[in-house]
Amino acid sequence: MGIPVGTFLDPLGGSSLGLATGLIVWLVAGWGAVPTDVTTAVQPSALLARDRRVFGRIVCTGTVAGGILGLILLVLASIMKTAADPDGIPLDYVLVYAGVGLAVSVWLCPALAAVAAFNHTAWGEFVLTRHHLARRRLVPHDLMAFLADAHEQHGVLRQVGPSYQFRHIELQHQLAARYSTLLPASR
């Protein structure tokens, strides 16, 4: 990010933008989900709720940090230009850095935070997959309630740590055979 700005606009501004962006990425990537011990008896819904909270914290931290970064970038660029040119700050210079600061704070940092959140948690991928399959009517919209009901009320699933497994091997084989007919032939 800092290299294009430094190449086309100002080396000092590019260096400050690259340093600030690297600091934000380091800060956001530092948030992470603590690895879960799958041998303990954790409820899947509790594990998913914890993962969702970590996802939200990462995105919020990145977004707030992006807003702060945008303001710092604008103020820093103005201060540096004023120190280098005491006659005044050209308007186009301030507008360029204001635009870069706005783009960083509104677009870049929240996007990097979302990427970091998807990388550190399973919740984002779970929600996207569940939504994709539910829209195609392949799973119920409230998948976790469905799985809990299949486990607690009907006994079709058993809980092993934070995940569910089919209880009966015949059901596993029947579903696997049905699914294998839907897959393209392997090489």
N, C-alpha and C. Protein backbone atom coordinates (compact mmCIF):
# COMPACT_ATOMS: atom_id res chain seq x y z
N MET A 1 0.83 -1.19 0.00
CA MET A 1 0.00 0.00 0.00
C MET A 1 0.87 1.25 0.00
N GLY A 2 1.92 1.25 0.81
CA GLY A 2 2.77 2.42 0.90
C GLY A 2 3.64 2.62 -0.32
N ILE A 3 4.00 1.54 -1.02
CA ILE A 3 4.88 1.65 -2.19
C ILE A 3 4.21 2.42 -3.33
N PRO A 4 2.95 2.11 -3.71
CA PRO A 4 2.33 2.91 -4.78
C PRO A 4 2.17 4.37 -4.39
N VAL A 5 1.78 4.62 -3.15
CA VAL A 5 1.61 6.01 -2.71
C VAL A 5 2.96 6.72 -2.72
N GLY A 6 4.01 6.04 -2.23
CA GLY A 6 5.33 6.63 -2.22
C GLY A 6 5.89 6.86 -3.61
N THR A 7 5.58 5.97 -4.54
CA THR A 7 6.08 6.10 -5.90
C THR A 7 5.41 7.24 -6.64
N PHE A 8 4.09 7.35 -6.52
CA PHE A 8 3.35 8.32 -7.32
C PHE A 8 3.11 9.65 -6.63
N LEU A 9 3.10 9.68 -5.30
CA LEU A 9 2.77 10.93 -4.63
C LEU A 9 3.94 11.51 -3.85
N ASP A 10 4.33 10.84 -2.77
CA ASP A 10 5.33 11.40 -1.88
C ASP A 10 6.00 10.27 -1.12
N PRO A 11 7.33 10.17 -1.15
CA PRO A 11 8.00 9.08 -0.45
C PRO A 11 7.76 9.08 1.05
N LEU A 12 7.71 10.26 1.65
CA LEU A 12 7.49 10.33 3.10
C LEU A 12 6.08 9.88 3.46
N GLY A 13 5.10 10.31 2.66
CA GLY A 13 3.72 9.89 2.88
C GLY A 13 3.55 8.41 2.64
N GLY A 14 4.21 7.88 1.62
CA GLY A 14 4.14 6.45 1.34
C GLY A 14 4.73 5.63 2.46
N SER A 15 5.84 6.11 3.01
CA SER A 15 6.46 5.40 4.14
C SER A 15 5.56 5.41 5.36
N SER A 16 4.95 6.56 5.64
CA SER A 16 4.06 6.63 6.81
C SER A 16 2.82 5.77 6.60
N LEU A 17 2.28 5.75 5.39
CA LEU A 17 1.11 4.91 5.11
C LEU A 17 1.46 3.43 5.22
N GLY A 18 2.61 3.03 4.67
CA GLY A 18 3.03 1.63 4.77
C GLY A 18 3.25 1.21 6.21
N LEU A 19 3.88 2.07 7.00
CA LEU A 19 4.12 1.76 8.41
C LEU A 19 2.82 1.66 9.18
N ALA A 20 1.92 2.62 8.96
CA ALA A 20 0.65 2.61 9.68
C ALA A 20 -0.21 1.42 9.28
N THR A 21 -0.24 1.09 7.98
CA THR A 21 -1.03 -0.07 7.54
C THR A 21 -0.46 -1.37 8.10
N GLY A 22 0.87 -1.48 8.11
CA GLY A 22 1.49 -2.66 8.71
C GLY A 22 1.17 -2.79 10.18
N LEU A 23 1.14 -1.67 10.89
CA LEU A 23 0.80 -1.68 12.32
C LEU A 23 -0.64 -2.16 12.53
N ILE A 24 -1.56 -1.67 11.69
CA ILE A 24 -2.96 -2.08 11.81
C ILE A 24 -3.12 -3.57 11.50
N VAL A 25 -2.47 -4.04 10.45
CA VAL A 25 -2.56 -5.47 10.11
C VAL A 25 -2.00 -6.32 11.25
N TRP A 26 -0.89 -5.89 11.82
CA TRP A 26 -0.30 -6.62 12.95
C TRP A 26 -1.24 -6.62 14.13
N LEU A 27 -1.88 -5.48 14.41
CA LEU A 27 -2.80 -5.38 15.54
C LEU A 27 -4.00 -6.29 15.34
N VAL A 28 -4.60 -6.25 14.14
CA VAL A 28 -5.79 -7.05 13.87
C VAL A 28 -5.44 -8.53 13.83
N ALA A 29 -4.33 -8.89 13.24
CA ALA A 29 -3.95 -10.30 13.15
C ALA A 29 -3.55 -10.85 14.51
N GLY A 30 -3.25 -9.98 15.45
CA GLY A 30 -2.91 -10.44 16.79
C GLY A 30 -4.10 -11.02 17.53
N TRP A 31 -5.30 -10.58 17.17
CA TRP A 31 -6.51 -11.15 17.77
C TRP A 31 -6.70 -12.53 17.17
N GLY A 32 -6.93 -13.48 17.97
CA GLY A 32 -7.14 -14.81 17.43
C GLY A 32 -7.97 -15.66 18.36
N ALA A 33 -8.53 -16.66 17.81
CA ALA A 33 -9.28 -17.60 18.60
C ALA A 33 -8.31 -18.53 19.30
N VAL A 34 -8.59 -18.80 20.54
CA VAL A 34 -7.77 -19.74 21.28
C VAL A 34 -8.15 -21.13 20.77
N PRO A 35 -7.19 -21.96 20.43
CA PRO A 35 -7.54 -23.30 19.94
C PRO A 35 -8.37 -24.05 20.97
N THR A 36 -9.37 -24.73 20.48
CA THR A 36 -10.30 -25.44 21.35
C THR A 36 -9.83 -26.87 21.56
N ASP A 37 -9.92 -27.33 22.79
CA ASP A 37 -9.61 -28.72 23.10
C ASP A 37 -10.84 -29.55 22.74
N VAL A 38 -10.79 -30.28 21.64
CA VAL A 38 -11.96 -31.01 21.17
C VAL A 38 -12.26 -32.25 22.00
N THR A 39 -11.42 -32.59 22.95
CA THR A 39 -11.69 -33.75 23.79
C THR A 39 -12.60 -33.40 24.95
N THR A 40 -12.78 -32.12 25.25
CA THR A 40 -13.67 -31.74 26.34
C THR A 40 -15.11 -31.71 25.85
N ALA A 41 -16.03 -31.82 26.77
CA ALA A 41 -17.45 -31.86 26.43
C ALA A 41 -18.00 -30.43 26.33
N VAL A 42 -17.70 -29.77 25.23
CA VAL A 42 -18.18 -28.42 24.98
C VAL A 42 -19.42 -28.53 24.09
N GLN A 43 -20.43 -27.75 24.41
CA GLN A 43 -21.62 -27.74 23.57
C GLN A 43 -21.29 -27.05 22.25
N PRO A 44 -21.73 -27.60 21.12
CA PRO A 44 -21.45 -26.96 19.84
C PRO A 44 -21.97 -25.53 19.75
N SER A 45 -23.13 -25.27 20.34
CA SER A 45 -23.68 -23.91 20.29
C SER A 45 -22.83 -22.94 21.09
N ALA A 46 -22.27 -23.39 22.23
CA ALA A 46 -21.40 -22.52 23.03
C ALA A 46 -20.10 -22.24 22.28
N LEU A 47 -19.57 -23.24 21.64
CA LEU A 47 -18.34 -23.06 20.87
C LEU A 47 -18.57 -22.10 19.70
N LEU A 48 -19.70 -22.23 19.03
CA LEU A 48 -20.03 -21.34 17.92
C LEU A 48 -20.24 -19.91 18.40
N ALA A 49 -20.88 -19.74 19.56
CA ALA A 49 -21.09 -18.40 20.11
C ALA A 49 -19.76 -17.74 20.47
N ARG A 50 -18.83 -18.51 21.03
CA ARG A 50 -17.52 -17.96 21.36
C ARG A 50 -16.77 -17.56 20.09
N ASP A 51 -16.86 -18.38 19.06
CA ASP A 51 -16.20 -18.08 17.80
C ASP A 51 -16.80 -16.82 17.16
N ARG A 52 -18.11 -16.67 17.28
CA ARG A 52 -18.78 -15.49 16.74
C ARG A 52 -18.32 -14.22 17.46
N ARG A 53 -18.14 -14.30 18.79
CA ARG A 53 -17.65 -13.14 19.54
C ARG A 53 -16.24 -12.75 19.11
N VAL A 54 -15.37 -13.74 18.92
CA VAL A 54 -14.00 -13.47 18.47
C VAL A 54 -14.04 -12.83 17.08
N PHE A 55 -14.86 -13.34 16.18
CA PHE A 55 -15.01 -12.78 14.84
C PHE A 55 -15.41 -11.31 14.93
N GLY A 56 -16.41 -11.01 15.75
CA GLY A 56 -16.88 -9.64 15.91
C GLY A 56 -15.81 -8.72 16.48
N ARG A 57 -15.06 -9.22 17.46
CA ARG A 57 -13.99 -8.40 18.05
C ARG A 57 -12.92 -8.07 17.02
N ILE A 58 -12.57 -9.04 16.20
CA ILE A 58 -11.54 -8.79 15.18
C ILE A 58 -12.02 -7.73 14.20
N VAL A 59 -13.25 -7.85 13.72
CA VAL A 59 -13.77 -6.89 12.74
C VAL A 59 -13.92 -5.50 13.37
N CYS A 60 -14.42 -5.43 14.60
CA CYS A 60 -14.56 -4.13 15.26
C CYS A 60 -13.21 -3.48 15.52
N THR A 61 -12.25 -4.25 15.97
CA THR A 61 -10.92 -3.71 16.22
C THR A 61 -10.31 -3.16 14.93
N GLY A 62 -10.42 -3.91 13.86
CA GLY A 62 -9.88 -3.46 12.59
C GLY A 62 -10.57 -2.23 12.05
N THR A 63 -11.88 -2.15 12.23
CA THR A 63 -12.62 -0.99 11.75
C THR A 63 -12.28 0.26 12.54
N VAL A 64 -12.23 0.15 13.86
CA VAL A 64 -11.87 1.29 14.70
C VAL A 64 -10.42 1.71 14.42
N ALA A 65 -9.56 0.73 14.33
CA ALA A 65 -8.15 1.03 14.02
C ALA A 65 -8.03 1.69 12.66
N GLY A 66 -8.86 1.29 11.71
CA GLY A 66 -8.83 1.91 10.39
C GLY A 66 -9.26 3.36 10.44
N GLY A 67 -10.27 3.67 11.23
CA GLY A 67 -10.68 5.06 11.39
C GLY A 67 -9.58 5.90 12.01
N ILE A 68 -8.94 5.36 13.03
CA ILE A 68 -7.83 6.06 13.67
C ILE A 68 -6.67 6.23 12.68
N LEU A 69 -6.39 5.17 11.92
CA LEU A 69 -5.32 5.25 10.92
C LEU A 69 -5.60 6.32 9.88
N GLY A 70 -6.84 6.41 9.41
CA GLY A 70 -7.19 7.43 8.43
C GLY A 70 -6.97 8.84 8.97
N LEU A 71 -7.38 9.08 10.22
CA LEU A 71 -7.16 10.39 10.82
C LEU A 71 -5.68 10.68 11.02
N ILE A 72 -4.93 9.68 11.50
CA ILE A 72 -3.50 9.87 11.72
C ILE A 72 -2.81 10.17 10.39
N LEU A 73 -3.19 9.45 9.35
CA LEU A 73 -2.58 9.67 8.04
C LEU A 73 -2.83 11.08 7.54
N LEU A 74 -4.03 11.57 7.68
CA LEU A 74 -4.35 12.92 7.23
C LEU A 74 -3.58 13.96 8.04
N VAL A 75 -3.59 13.83 9.36
CA VAL A 75 -2.90 14.79 10.22
C VAL A 75 -1.39 14.73 10.00
N LEU A 76 -0.84 13.52 9.92
CA LEU A 76 0.60 13.36 9.73
C LEU A 76 1.06 13.95 8.40
N ALA A 77 0.30 13.71 7.36
CA ALA A 77 0.67 14.25 6.06
C ALA A 77 0.62 15.77 6.07
N SER A 78 -0.40 16.33 6.71
CA SER A 78 -0.50 17.79 6.77
C SER A 78 0.64 18.39 7.57
N ILE A 79 0.99 17.76 8.69
CA ILE A 79 2.09 18.26 9.53
C ILE A 79 3.41 18.19 8.77
N MET A 80 3.66 17.05 8.10
CA MET A 80 4.91 16.90 7.36
C MET A 80 5.01 17.90 6.22
N LYS A 81 3.94 18.13 5.51
CA LYS A 81 3.96 19.08 4.39
C LYS A 81 4.14 20.50 4.90
N THR A 82 3.51 20.82 6.03
CA THR A 82 3.66 22.15 6.60
C THR A 82 5.10 22.39 7.04
N ALA A 83 5.73 21.36 7.61
CA ALA A 83 7.11 21.49 8.05
C ALA A 83 8.05 21.64 6.85
N ALA A 84 7.74 20.99 5.75
CA ALA A 84 8.58 21.06 4.57
C ALA A 84 8.31 22.31 3.74
N ASP A 85 7.09 22.82 3.79
CA ASP A 85 6.70 23.97 2.99
C ASP A 85 5.97 24.98 3.89
N PRO A 86 6.70 25.90 4.53
CA PRO A 86 6.06 26.82 5.47
C PRO A 86 5.11 27.82 4.82
N ASP A 87 5.16 27.96 3.51
CA ASP A 87 4.27 28.91 2.84
C ASP A 87 2.81 28.46 2.85
N GLY A 88 2.58 27.20 3.07
CA GLY A 88 1.21 26.72 3.11
C GLY A 88 1.10 25.35 2.47
N ILE A 89 -0.02 24.74 2.69
CA ILE A 89 -0.27 23.40 2.18
C ILE A 89 -1.11 23.54 0.91
N PRO A 90 -0.63 23.03 -0.21
CA PRO A 90 -1.47 23.05 -1.41
C PRO A 90 -2.73 22.20 -1.20
N LEU A 91 -3.82 22.71 -1.70
CA LEU A 91 -5.11 22.05 -1.51
C LEU A 91 -5.13 20.65 -2.12
N ASP A 92 -4.54 20.46 -3.28
CA ASP A 92 -4.57 19.14 -3.91
C ASP A 92 -3.82 18.11 -3.07
N TYR A 93 -2.77 18.51 -2.40
CA TYR A 93 -2.01 17.61 -1.53
C TYR A 93 -2.88 17.13 -0.37
N VAL A 94 -3.57 18.06 0.27
CA VAL A 94 -4.44 17.71 1.40
C VAL A 94 -5.59 16.83 0.92
N LEU A 95 -6.16 17.14 -0.25
CA LEU A 95 -7.28 16.34 -0.75
C LEU A 95 -6.85 14.91 -1.09
N VAL A 96 -5.64 14.75 -1.63
CA VAL A 96 -5.16 13.40 -1.94
C VAL A 96 -5.02 12.59 -0.66
N TYR A 97 -4.39 13.19 0.36
CA TYR A 97 -4.21 12.46 1.61
C TYR A 97 -5.54 12.26 2.35
N ALA A 98 -6.44 13.21 2.22
CA ALA A 98 -7.77 13.01 2.81
C ALA A 98 -8.48 11.85 2.12
N GLY A 99 -8.36 11.78 0.79
CA GLY A 99 -8.96 10.66 0.06
C GLY A 99 -8.33 9.33 0.42
N VAL A 100 -7.00 9.31 0.52
CA VAL A 100 -6.33 8.06 0.91
C VAL A 100 -6.71 7.69 2.34
N GLY A 101 -6.75 8.66 3.23
CA GLY A 101 -7.15 8.40 4.62
C GLY A 101 -8.57 7.87 4.71
N LEU A 102 -9.46 8.46 3.93
CA LEU A 102 -10.85 8.00 3.91
C LEU A 102 -10.96 6.59 3.34
N ALA A 103 -10.23 6.31 2.26
CA ALA A 103 -10.27 4.98 1.66
C ALA A 103 -9.73 3.93 2.63
N VAL A 104 -8.66 4.28 3.32
CA VAL A 104 -8.08 3.34 4.30
C VAL A 104 -9.05 3.09 5.43
N SER A 105 -9.66 4.16 5.96
CA SER A 105 -10.52 4.00 7.13
C SER A 105 -11.86 3.36 6.80
N VAL A 106 -12.38 3.59 5.61
CA VAL A 106 -13.70 3.08 5.27
C VAL A 106 -13.64 1.73 4.57
N TRP A 107 -12.61 1.51 3.75
CA TRP A 107 -12.60 0.31 2.93
C TRP A 107 -11.49 -0.67 3.31
N LEU A 108 -10.27 -0.22 3.33
CA LEU A 108 -9.13 -1.13 3.47
C LEU A 108 -9.08 -1.83 4.83
N CYS A 109 -9.13 -1.07 5.90
CA CYS A 109 -8.99 -1.69 7.23
C CYS A 109 -10.16 -2.61 7.59
N PRO A 110 -11.42 -2.24 7.33
CA PRO A 110 -12.48 -3.21 7.58
C PRO A 110 -12.35 -4.48 6.71
N ALA A 111 -11.89 -4.32 5.47
CA ALA A 111 -11.70 -5.49 4.60
C ALA A 111 -10.59 -6.38 5.14
N LEU A 112 -9.47 -5.78 5.55
CA LEU A 112 -8.38 -6.57 6.13
C LEU A 112 -8.82 -7.23 7.43
N ALA A 113 -9.63 -6.53 8.22
CA ALA A 113 -10.13 -7.10 9.46
C ALA A 113 -11.04 -8.30 9.18
N ALA A 114 -11.88 -8.19 8.15
CA ALA A 114 -12.75 -9.32 7.80
C ALA A 114 -11.93 -10.51 7.33
N VAL A 115 -10.89 -10.26 6.54
CA VAL A 115 -10.01 -11.35 6.09
C VAL A 115 -9.34 -12.01 7.29
N ALA A 116 -8.85 -11.20 8.22
CA ALA A 116 -8.21 -11.75 9.42
C ALA A 116 -9.22 -12.54 10.25
N ALA A 117 -10.46 -12.05 10.35
CA ALA A 117 -11.49 -12.75 11.12
C ALA A 117 -11.82 -14.09 10.47
N PHE A 118 -11.94 -14.13 9.15
CA PHE A 118 -12.19 -15.40 8.47
C PHE A 118 -11.02 -16.35 8.65
N ASN A 119 -9.82 -15.82 8.72
CA ASN A 119 -8.63 -16.64 8.86
C ASN A 119 -8.49 -17.23 10.27
N HIS A 120 -8.95 -16.50 11.29
CA HIS A 120 -8.75 -16.92 12.68
C HIS A 120 -9.93 -17.65 13.29
N THR A 121 -11.09 -17.62 12.66
CA THR A 121 -12.27 -18.26 13.25
C THR A 121 -12.96 -19.13 12.21
N ALA A 122 -13.82 -20.00 12.68
CA ALA A 122 -14.61 -20.85 11.79
C ALA A 122 -16.01 -20.28 11.59
N TRP A 123 -16.40 -19.29 12.39
CA TRP A 123 -17.76 -18.80 12.36
C TRP A 123 -18.14 -18.21 11.01
N GLY A 124 -17.28 -17.41 10.40
CA GLY A 124 -17.62 -16.79 9.12
C GLY A 124 -17.88 -17.81 8.03
N GLU A 125 -17.00 -18.80 7.93
CA GLU A 125 -17.19 -19.85 6.92
C GLU A 125 -18.44 -20.67 7.21
N PHE A 126 -18.71 -20.92 8.49
CA PHE A 126 -19.92 -21.67 8.88
C PHE A 126 -21.17 -20.92 8.44
N VAL A 127 -21.21 -19.62 8.71
CA VAL A 127 -22.39 -18.82 8.35
C VAL A 127 -22.58 -18.75 6.84
N LEU A 128 -21.50 -18.53 6.11
CA LEU A 128 -21.61 -18.48 4.65
C LEU A 128 -22.07 -19.82 4.08
N THR A 129 -21.50 -20.90 4.57
CA THR A 129 -21.87 -22.23 4.08
C THR A 129 -23.32 -22.57 4.45
N ARG A 130 -23.70 -22.28 5.71
CA ARG A 130 -25.07 -22.56 6.14
C ARG A 130 -26.06 -21.76 5.31
N HIS A 131 -25.77 -20.49 5.08
CA HIS A 131 -26.66 -19.65 4.29
C HIS A 131 -26.76 -20.16 2.84
N HIS A 132 -25.63 -20.52 2.27
CA HIS A 132 -25.61 -21.04 0.90
C HIS A 132 -26.45 -22.32 0.78
N LEU A 133 -26.26 -23.23 1.71
CA LEU A 133 -27.00 -24.49 1.66
C LEU A 133 -28.48 -24.30 2.00
N ALA A 134 -28.78 -23.39 2.93
CA ALA A 134 -30.17 -23.16 3.31
C ALA A 134 -30.96 -22.51 2.17
N ARG A 135 -30.33 -21.63 1.42
CA ARG A 135 -31.01 -21.01 0.28
C ARG A 135 -31.33 -22.03 -0.80
N ARG A 136 -30.54 -23.07 -0.87
CA ARG A 136 -30.79 -24.14 -1.84
C ARG A 136 -31.63 -25.27 -1.24
N ARG A 137 -32.10 -25.05 -0.01
CA ARG A 137 -32.96 -26.00 0.72
C ARG A 137 -32.29 -27.35 0.94
N LEU A 138 -30.97 -27.31 1.19
CA LEU A 138 -30.24 -28.54 1.48
C LEU A 138 -30.06 -28.75 2.97
N VAL A 139 -30.17 -27.70 3.75
CA VAL A 139 -30.15 -27.79 5.22
C VAL A 139 -31.21 -26.81 5.75
N PRO A 140 -31.69 -27.05 6.97
CA PRO A 140 -32.65 -26.10 7.56
C PRO A 140 -31.97 -24.76 7.86
N HIS A 141 -32.77 -23.69 7.92
CA HIS A 141 -32.21 -22.37 8.23
C HIS A 141 -31.59 -22.35 9.63
N ASP A 142 -32.25 -22.96 10.59
CA ASP A 142 -31.71 -23.03 11.94
C ASP A 142 -31.01 -24.38 12.11
N LEU A 143 -29.85 -24.48 11.52
CA LEU A 143 -29.12 -25.76 11.47
C LEU A 143 -28.74 -26.25 12.86
N MET A 144 -28.29 -25.37 13.72
CA MET A 144 -27.85 -25.80 15.05
C MET A 144 -29.02 -26.36 15.87
N ALA A 145 -30.20 -25.75 15.76
CA ALA A 145 -31.37 -26.28 16.46
C ALA A 145 -31.76 -27.65 15.89
N PHE A 146 -31.66 -27.80 14.58
CA PHE A 146 -31.95 -29.07 13.93
C PHE A 146 -31.00 -30.17 14.43
N LEU A 147 -29.71 -29.85 14.48
CA LEU A 147 -28.72 -30.84 14.96
C LEU A 147 -28.92 -31.17 16.43
N ALA A 148 -29.22 -30.15 17.24
CA ALA A 148 -29.46 -30.39 18.66
C ALA A 148 -30.70 -31.27 18.85
N ASP A 149 -31.74 -31.02 18.08
CA ASP A 149 -32.96 -31.84 18.15
C ASP A 149 -32.67 -33.28 17.71
N ALA A 150 -31.91 -33.46 16.64
CA ALA A 150 -31.56 -34.80 16.18
C ALA A 150 -30.74 -35.54 17.23
N HIS A 151 -29.97 -34.81 18.00
CA HIS A 151 -29.15 -35.43 19.05
C HIS A 151 -29.97 -35.71 20.31
N GLU A 152 -30.67 -34.70 20.82
CA GLU A 152 -31.34 -34.81 22.12
C GLU A 152 -32.67 -35.54 22.05
N GLN A 153 -33.48 -35.29 21.04
CA GLN A 153 -34.83 -35.84 20.99
C GLN A 153 -34.92 -37.17 20.24
N HIS A 154 -34.18 -37.29 19.15
CA HIS A 154 -34.34 -38.45 18.28
C HIS A 154 -33.20 -39.45 18.38
N GLY A 155 -32.07 -39.06 18.93
CA GLY A 155 -30.96 -39.98 19.12
C GLY A 155 -30.27 -40.42 17.83
N VAL A 156 -30.48 -39.70 16.75
CA VAL A 156 -29.85 -40.05 15.48
C VAL A 156 -28.37 -39.66 15.48
N LEU A 157 -28.05 -38.56 16.17
CA LEU A 157 -26.68 -38.08 16.25
C LEU A 157 -26.14 -38.25 17.66
N ARG A 158 -24.85 -38.44 17.76
CA ARG A 158 -24.20 -38.41 19.07
C ARG A 158 -23.22 -37.24 19.08
N GLN A 159 -22.99 -36.72 20.28
CA GLN A 159 -22.08 -35.60 20.41
C GLN A 159 -20.72 -36.11 20.85
N VAL A 160 -19.70 -35.77 20.08
CA VAL A 160 -18.33 -36.12 20.42
C VAL A 160 -17.56 -34.80 20.50
N GLY A 161 -17.30 -34.36 21.74
CA GLY A 161 -16.68 -33.06 21.92
C GLY A 161 -17.62 -32.00 21.39
N PRO A 162 -17.12 -31.06 20.59
CA PRO A 162 -17.99 -30.00 20.07
C PRO A 162 -18.64 -30.33 18.73
N SER A 163 -18.64 -31.59 18.32
CA SER A 163 -19.20 -31.94 17.01
C SER A 163 -20.21 -33.07 17.15
N TYR A 164 -21.00 -33.23 16.10
CA TYR A 164 -21.99 -34.30 16.05
C TYR A 164 -21.52 -35.38 15.08
N GLN A 165 -21.90 -36.63 15.37
CA GLN A 165 -21.64 -37.75 14.49
C GLN A 165 -22.91 -38.58 14.37
N PHE A 166 -23.05 -39.26 13.21
CA PHE A 166 -24.18 -40.18 13.08
C PHE A 166 -23.97 -41.35 14.02
N ARG A 167 -25.04 -41.76 14.69
CA ARG A 167 -24.95 -42.84 15.66
C ARG A 167 -24.90 -44.22 14.98
N HIS A 168 -25.61 -44.38 13.89
CA HIS A 168 -25.75 -45.69 13.28
C HIS A 168 -24.89 -45.79 12.01
N ILE A 169 -24.10 -46.83 11.91
CA ILE A 169 -23.20 -47.01 10.78
C ILE A 169 -23.98 -47.26 9.49
N GLU A 170 -25.15 -47.92 9.59
CA GLU A 170 -25.95 -48.16 8.39
C GLU A 170 -26.42 -46.85 7.76
N LEU A 171 -26.81 -45.91 8.61
CA LEU A 171 -27.24 -44.60 8.12
C LEU A 171 -26.07 -43.87 7.46
N GLN A 172 -24.89 -43.97 8.05
CA GLN A 172 -23.71 -43.36 7.46
C GLN A 172 -23.45 -43.93 6.06
N HIS A 173 -23.51 -45.25 5.94
CA HIS A 173 -23.26 -45.89 4.64
C HIS A 173 -24.32 -45.52 3.62
N GLN A 174 -25.58 -45.48 4.03
CA GLN A 174 -26.66 -45.15 3.11
C GLN A 174 -26.51 -43.72 2.59
N LEU A 175 -26.22 -42.78 3.49
CA LEU A 175 -26.04 -41.39 3.06
C LEU A 175 -24.79 -41.23 2.20
N ALA A 176 -23.72 -41.93 2.53
CA ALA A 176 -22.49 -41.85 1.74
C ALA A 176 -22.72 -42.42 0.35
N ALA A 177 -23.48 -43.51 0.23
CA ALA A 177 -23.76 -44.09 -1.08
C ALA A 177 -24.63 -43.15 -1.92
N ARG A 178 -25.60 -42.52 -1.27
CA ARG A 178 -26.46 -41.58 -1.98
C ARG A 178 -25.66 -40.37 -2.45
N TYR A 179 -24.77 -39.89 -1.61
CA TYR A 179 -23.96 -38.73 -1.95
C TYR A 179 -22.95 -39.06 -3.05
N SER A 180 -22.40 -40.26 -3.03
CA SER A 180 -21.39 -40.63 -4.02
C SER A 180 -21.97 -40.67 -5.43
N THR A 181 -23.26 -40.89 -5.59
CA THR A 181 -23.87 -40.88 -6.92
C THR A 181 -23.99 -39.45 -7.45
N LEU A 182 -23.96 -38.46 -6.56
CA LEU A 182 -24.06 -37.06 -6.99
C LEU A 182 -22.72 -36.49 -7.39
N LEU A 183 -21.62 -37.11 -6.97
CA LEU A 183 -20.29 -36.62 -7.28
C LEU A 183 -19.88 -37.01 -8.70
N PRO A 184 -19.07 -36.16 -9.35
CA PRO A 184 -18.57 -36.55 -10.67
C PRO A 184 -17.59 -37.72 -10.53
N ALA A 185 -17.48 -38.48 -11.59
CA ALA A 185 -16.59 -39.64 -11.55
C ALA A 185 -15.15 -39.20 -11.32
N SER A 186 -14.46 -39.93 -10.44
CA SER A 186 -13.07 -39.59 -10.16
C SER A 186 -12.18 -40.15 -11.25
N ARG A 187 -10.99 -39.58 -11.37
CA ARG A 187 -10.07 -39.99 -12.44
C ARG A 187 -9.44 -41.31 -12.17
